[in-house]
N, C-alpha and C. Protein backbone atom coordinates (compact mmCIF):
# COMPACT_ATOMS: atom_id res chain seq x y z
N UNK A 1 0.97 12.80 19.52
CA UNK A 1 1.39 11.65 18.73
C UNK A 1 2.18 12.17 17.52
N UNK A 2 3.32 11.58 17.31
CA UNK A 2 4.20 11.96 16.21
C UNK A 2 4.00 11.01 15.03
N UNK A 3 3.91 11.56 13.81
CA UNK A 3 3.74 10.68 12.64
C UNK A 3 4.94 9.75 12.45
N UNK A 4 4.67 8.55 11.99
CA UNK A 4 5.74 7.62 11.66
C UNK A 4 6.26 7.93 10.26
N UNK A 5 7.51 7.60 10.05
CA UNK A 5 8.08 7.70 8.72
C UNK A 5 7.45 6.60 7.86
N UNK A 6 7.17 6.89 6.60
CA UNK A 6 6.61 5.90 5.69
C UNK A 6 7.60 5.69 4.55
N UNK A 7 7.91 4.43 4.30
CA UNK A 7 8.78 4.11 3.17
C UNK A 7 8.26 2.86 2.48
N UNK A 8 8.74 2.66 1.25
CA UNK A 8 8.29 1.52 0.45
C UNK A 8 9.46 0.62 0.10
N UNK A 9 9.22 -0.67 0.04
CA UNK A 9 10.24 -1.60 -0.45
C UNK A 9 10.37 -1.43 -1.97
N UNK A 10 11.41 -2.00 -2.52
CA UNK A 10 11.59 -1.97 -3.97
C UNK A 10 10.42 -2.67 -4.67
N UNK A 11 9.93 -3.74 -4.08
CA UNK A 11 8.78 -4.45 -4.63
C UNK A 11 7.56 -3.53 -4.68
N UNK A 12 7.29 -2.83 -3.59
CA UNK A 12 6.15 -1.91 -3.55
C UNK A 12 6.33 -0.79 -4.57
N UNK A 13 7.54 -0.29 -4.72
CA UNK A 13 7.78 0.77 -5.71
C UNK A 13 7.47 0.30 -7.12
N UNK A 14 7.85 -0.93 -7.43
CA UNK A 14 7.52 -1.49 -8.75
C UNK A 14 6.00 -1.59 -8.93
N UNK A 15 5.32 -2.03 -7.89
CA UNK A 15 3.86 -2.13 -7.95
C UNK A 15 3.23 -0.76 -8.17
N UNK A 16 3.70 0.23 -7.43
CA UNK A 16 3.16 1.59 -7.55
C UNK A 16 3.38 2.12 -8.96
N UNK A 17 4.56 1.91 -9.49
CA UNK A 17 4.87 2.37 -10.85
C UNK A 17 3.95 1.69 -11.86
N UNK A 18 3.76 0.37 -11.72
CA UNK A 18 2.89 -0.37 -12.63
C UNK A 18 1.45 0.13 -12.55
N UNK A 19 0.93 0.27 -11.34
CA UNK A 19 -0.45 0.72 -11.15
C UNK A 19 -0.63 2.15 -11.65
N UNK A 20 0.34 3.02 -11.38
CA UNK A 20 0.25 4.41 -11.82
C UNK A 20 0.26 4.49 -13.35
N UNK A 21 1.13 3.73 -13.98
CA UNK A 21 1.21 3.72 -15.45
C UNK A 21 -0.13 3.29 -16.03
N UNK A 22 -0.69 2.21 -15.49
CA UNK A 22 -2.00 1.74 -15.99
C UNK A 22 -3.05 2.82 -15.79
N UNK A 23 -3.06 3.44 -14.61
CA UNK A 23 -4.06 4.45 -14.30
C UNK A 23 -3.97 5.63 -15.27
N UNK A 24 -2.77 6.11 -15.52
CA UNK A 24 -2.58 7.27 -16.40
C UNK A 24 -2.96 6.95 -17.84
N UNK A 25 -2.81 5.70 -18.25
CA UNK A 25 -3.15 5.31 -19.61
C UNK A 25 -4.63 4.99 -19.80
N UNK A 26 -5.35 4.69 -18.72
CA UNK A 26 -6.71 4.17 -18.85
C UNK A 26 -7.81 4.96 -18.14
N UNK A 27 -7.47 6.00 -17.45
CA UNK A 27 -8.47 6.76 -16.70
C UNK A 27 -8.47 8.23 -17.11
N UNK A 28 -9.62 8.85 -17.03
CA UNK A 28 -9.74 10.27 -17.36
C UNK A 28 -9.21 11.16 -16.24
N UNK A 29 -9.54 10.83 -15.01
CA UNK A 29 -9.15 11.65 -13.87
C UNK A 29 -7.82 11.15 -13.31
N UNK A 30 -6.76 11.52 -13.97
CA UNK A 30 -5.44 10.97 -13.64
C UNK A 30 -4.94 11.39 -12.26
N UNK A 31 -5.42 12.50 -11.73
CA UNK A 31 -4.95 12.98 -10.43
C UNK A 31 -5.44 12.09 -9.28
N UNK A 32 -6.46 11.29 -9.52
CA UNK A 32 -7.03 10.45 -8.47
C UNK A 32 -5.99 9.47 -7.92
N UNK A 33 -5.14 8.93 -8.78
CA UNK A 33 -4.17 7.95 -8.32
C UNK A 33 -3.27 8.54 -7.24
N UNK A 34 -2.63 9.65 -7.53
CA UNK A 34 -1.70 10.26 -6.57
C UNK A 34 -2.43 10.72 -5.32
N UNK A 35 -3.60 11.30 -5.48
CA UNK A 35 -4.35 11.80 -4.32
C UNK A 35 -4.73 10.67 -3.38
N UNK A 36 -5.28 9.60 -3.91
CA UNK A 36 -5.71 8.48 -3.06
C UNK A 36 -4.51 7.81 -2.37
N UNK A 37 -3.43 7.62 -3.10
CA UNK A 37 -2.25 7.00 -2.51
C UNK A 37 -1.64 7.91 -1.43
N UNK A 38 -1.49 9.18 -1.70
CA UNK A 38 -0.93 10.11 -0.71
C UNK A 38 -1.80 10.19 0.53
N UNK A 39 -3.11 10.23 0.35
CA UNK A 39 -4.03 10.26 1.51
C UNK A 39 -3.87 9.01 2.36
N UNK A 40 -3.78 7.85 1.72
CA UNK A 40 -3.62 6.59 2.46
C UNK A 40 -2.31 6.58 3.24
N UNK A 41 -1.23 7.04 2.63
CA UNK A 41 0.06 7.06 3.32
C UNK A 41 0.05 8.03 4.49
N UNK A 42 -0.63 9.13 4.35
CA UNK A 42 -0.76 10.11 5.44
C UNK A 42 -1.53 9.48 6.61
N UNK A 43 -2.62 8.79 6.31
CA UNK A 43 -3.40 8.13 7.35
C UNK A 43 -2.54 7.09 8.07
N UNK A 44 -1.81 6.28 7.31
CA UNK A 44 -0.99 5.24 7.93
C UNK A 44 0.14 5.81 8.77
N UNK A 45 0.66 6.97 8.40
CA UNK A 45 1.73 7.57 9.21
C UNK A 45 1.21 7.97 10.59
N UNK A 46 -0.05 8.32 10.66
CA UNK A 46 -0.66 8.73 11.93
C UNK A 46 -1.40 7.61 12.64
N UNK A 47 -2.04 6.74 11.87
CA UNK A 47 -2.86 5.65 12.43
C UNK A 47 -2.51 4.33 11.75
N UNK A 48 -1.34 3.78 12.02
CA UNK A 48 -0.92 2.58 11.29
C UNK A 48 -1.78 1.35 11.51
N UNK A 49 -2.55 1.32 12.56
CA UNK A 49 -3.44 0.18 12.79
C UNK A 49 -4.75 0.32 12.02
N UNK A 50 -4.86 1.33 11.16
CA UNK A 50 -6.10 1.57 10.41
C UNK A 50 -6.44 0.42 9.47
N UNK A 51 -5.45 -0.26 8.94
CA UNK A 51 -5.69 -1.39 8.07
C UNK A 51 -6.08 -2.62 8.86
N UNK A 52 -6.45 -3.66 8.14
CA UNK A 52 -6.86 -4.90 8.80
C UNK A 52 -5.71 -5.91 8.74
N UNK A 53 -5.57 -6.74 9.77
CA UNK A 53 -4.53 -7.78 9.73
C UNK A 53 -4.77 -8.70 8.53
N UNK A 54 -3.67 -9.13 7.91
CA UNK A 54 -3.77 -10.01 6.74
C UNK A 54 -2.79 -11.16 6.93
N UNK A 55 -3.31 -12.31 7.29
CA UNK A 55 -2.46 -13.46 7.61
C UNK A 55 -2.24 -14.40 6.43
N UNK A 56 -3.03 -14.27 5.37
CA UNK A 56 -2.97 -15.22 4.25
C UNK A 56 -1.61 -15.25 3.55
N UNK A 57 -0.86 -14.17 3.59
CA UNK A 57 0.43 -14.11 2.90
C UNK A 57 1.57 -14.72 3.72
N UNK A 58 1.30 -15.05 4.98
CA UNK A 58 2.32 -15.66 5.82
C UNK A 58 3.42 -14.71 6.28
N UNK A 59 3.16 -13.41 6.26
CA UNK A 59 4.13 -12.40 6.70
C UNK A 59 3.69 -11.91 8.08
N UNK A 60 4.55 -12.05 9.09
CA UNK A 60 4.18 -11.61 10.44
C UNK A 60 3.80 -10.13 10.48
N UNK A 61 2.73 -9.82 11.17
CA UNK A 61 2.27 -8.44 11.41
C UNK A 61 1.84 -7.70 10.14
N UNK A 62 1.60 -8.42 9.06
CA UNK A 62 1.18 -7.77 7.82
C UNK A 62 -0.25 -7.27 7.95
N UNK A 63 -0.48 -6.07 7.43
CA UNK A 63 -1.82 -5.49 7.40
C UNK A 63 -2.08 -5.01 5.98
N UNK A 64 -3.36 -4.74 5.68
CA UNK A 64 -3.66 -4.16 4.38
C UNK A 64 -4.76 -3.12 4.54
N UNK A 65 -4.69 -2.14 3.66
CA UNK A 65 -5.65 -1.05 3.64
C UNK A 65 -6.23 -0.98 2.24
N UNK A 66 -7.54 -0.98 2.14
CA UNK A 66 -8.21 -0.93 0.83
C UNK A 66 -8.30 0.51 0.35
N UNK A 67 -7.92 0.72 -0.90
CA UNK A 67 -8.01 2.04 -1.54
C UNK A 67 -9.15 1.95 -2.55
N UNK A 68 -10.36 2.37 -2.17
CA UNK A 68 -11.54 2.10 -2.99
C UNK A 68 -11.52 2.73 -4.38
N UNK A 69 -11.02 3.94 -4.51
CA UNK A 69 -11.01 4.58 -5.83
C UNK A 69 -10.04 3.88 -6.78
N UNK A 70 -8.98 3.31 -6.23
CA UNK A 70 -7.99 2.61 -7.05
C UNK A 70 -8.27 1.13 -7.15
N UNK A 71 -9.20 0.63 -6.38
CA UNK A 71 -9.50 -0.81 -6.24
C UNK A 71 -8.23 -1.62 -6.02
N UNK A 72 -7.41 -1.13 -5.11
CA UNK A 72 -6.15 -1.79 -4.74
C UNK A 72 -6.08 -1.93 -3.22
N UNK A 73 -5.27 -2.88 -2.80
CA UNK A 73 -4.90 -3.00 -1.39
C UNK A 73 -3.47 -2.53 -1.23
N UNK A 74 -3.22 -1.83 -0.16
CA UNK A 74 -1.87 -1.42 0.21
C UNK A 74 -1.46 -2.33 1.36
N UNK A 75 -0.45 -3.15 1.16
CA UNK A 75 0.03 -4.10 2.17
C UNK A 75 1.22 -3.47 2.89
N UNK A 76 1.24 -3.58 4.22
CA UNK A 76 2.29 -2.91 4.98
C UNK A 76 2.51 -3.55 6.35
N UNK A 77 3.64 -3.23 6.92
CA UNK A 77 3.94 -3.56 8.32
C UNK A 77 4.35 -2.25 8.99
N UNK A 78 4.36 -2.26 10.32
CA UNK A 78 4.78 -1.04 11.02
C UNK A 78 5.35 -1.39 12.39
N UNK A 79 6.13 -0.46 12.90
CA UNK A 79 6.60 -0.52 14.28
C UNK A 79 6.46 0.87 14.87
N UNK A 80 7.09 1.13 16.00
CA UNK A 80 6.91 2.42 16.67
C UNK A 80 7.53 3.60 15.91
N UNK A 81 8.42 3.33 14.95
CA UNK A 81 9.11 4.39 14.21
C UNK A 81 8.64 4.58 12.78
N UNK A 82 8.25 3.47 12.12
CA UNK A 82 7.97 3.59 10.69
C UNK A 82 6.91 2.62 10.20
N UNK A 83 6.38 2.96 9.04
CA UNK A 83 5.45 2.12 8.29
C UNK A 83 6.20 1.71 7.02
N UNK A 84 6.20 0.42 6.73
CA UNK A 84 6.88 -0.07 5.52
C UNK A 84 5.82 -0.63 4.57
N UNK A 85 5.66 0.05 3.44
CA UNK A 85 4.73 -0.42 2.42
C UNK A 85 5.41 -1.57 1.69
N UNK A 86 4.76 -2.72 1.67
CA UNK A 86 5.34 -3.93 1.08
C UNK A 86 4.79 -4.22 -0.32
N UNK A 87 3.56 -3.77 -0.60
CA UNK A 87 2.96 -4.02 -1.91
C UNK A 87 1.75 -3.12 -2.10
N UNK A 88 1.46 -2.83 -3.35
CA UNK A 88 0.20 -2.20 -3.76
C UNK A 88 -0.33 -3.12 -4.85
N UNK A 89 -1.47 -3.75 -4.55
CA UNK A 89 -1.92 -4.87 -5.39
C UNK A 89 -3.38 -4.73 -5.72
N UNK A 90 -3.74 -4.97 -6.96
CA UNK A 90 -5.13 -4.89 -7.39
C UNK A 90 -6.02 -5.84 -6.60
N UNK A 91 -7.10 -5.32 -6.07
CA UNK A 91 -8.00 -6.13 -5.24
C UNK A 91 -8.71 -7.21 -6.04
N UNK A 92 -8.78 -7.07 -7.35
CA UNK A 92 -9.48 -8.05 -8.17
C UNK A 92 -8.59 -9.21 -8.63
N UNK A 93 -7.32 -9.13 -8.34
CA UNK A 93 -6.42 -10.21 -8.77
C UNK A 93 -6.74 -11.48 -8.00
N UNK A 94 -6.48 -12.59 -8.62
CA UNK A 94 -6.84 -13.89 -8.04
C UNK A 94 -5.75 -14.49 -7.15
N UNK A 95 -4.70 -13.72 -6.89
CA UNK A 95 -3.62 -14.23 -6.04
C UNK A 95 -3.06 -13.09 -5.21
N UNK A 96 -2.31 -13.46 -4.17
CA UNK A 96 -1.66 -12.48 -3.31
C UNK A 96 -0.37 -11.99 -3.96
N UNK A 97 0.08 -10.81 -3.58
CA UNK A 97 1.38 -10.34 -4.08
C UNK A 97 2.50 -11.17 -3.47
N UNK A 98 3.63 -11.24 -4.15
CA UNK A 98 4.83 -11.88 -3.63
C UNK A 98 5.54 -10.85 -2.76
N UNK A 99 5.48 -11.04 -1.46
CA UNK A 99 6.01 -10.04 -0.55
C UNK A 99 7.40 -10.40 -0.05
N UNK A 100 8.27 -9.42 -0.08
CA UNK A 100 9.64 -9.57 0.42
C UNK A 100 9.73 -8.81 1.74
N UNK A 101 10.42 -9.37 2.69
CA UNK A 101 10.60 -8.69 3.96
C UNK A 101 11.92 -7.95 4.05
N UNK A 102 12.55 -7.68 2.95
CA UNK A 102 13.80 -6.94 2.98
C UNK A 102 13.54 -5.52 3.43
N UNK A 103 14.50 -4.96 4.06
CA UNK A 103 14.40 -3.59 4.56
C UNK A 103 14.92 -2.70 3.49
């Protein structure tokens, strides 16, 4: 089995930047953010069905993976070639992220 390419939308990149900034300003173990995110992306490149289907956002084939140390969900879609990260969103927020399907 060959790993899929993993990429992020501009929306997901903004979310990652926001979450990383908060993490670096508010946590003692700053390396945890990068480690947990990198581990999740590595898993998804090999096992993209690892996350659970998420239909509430109305995006076809959307899945999410919970990152327990970050208390965030990583929202993504995938096909036979790639995994597209659509959002990284705090699990405690009271609403879903605004997801764009742009490539």
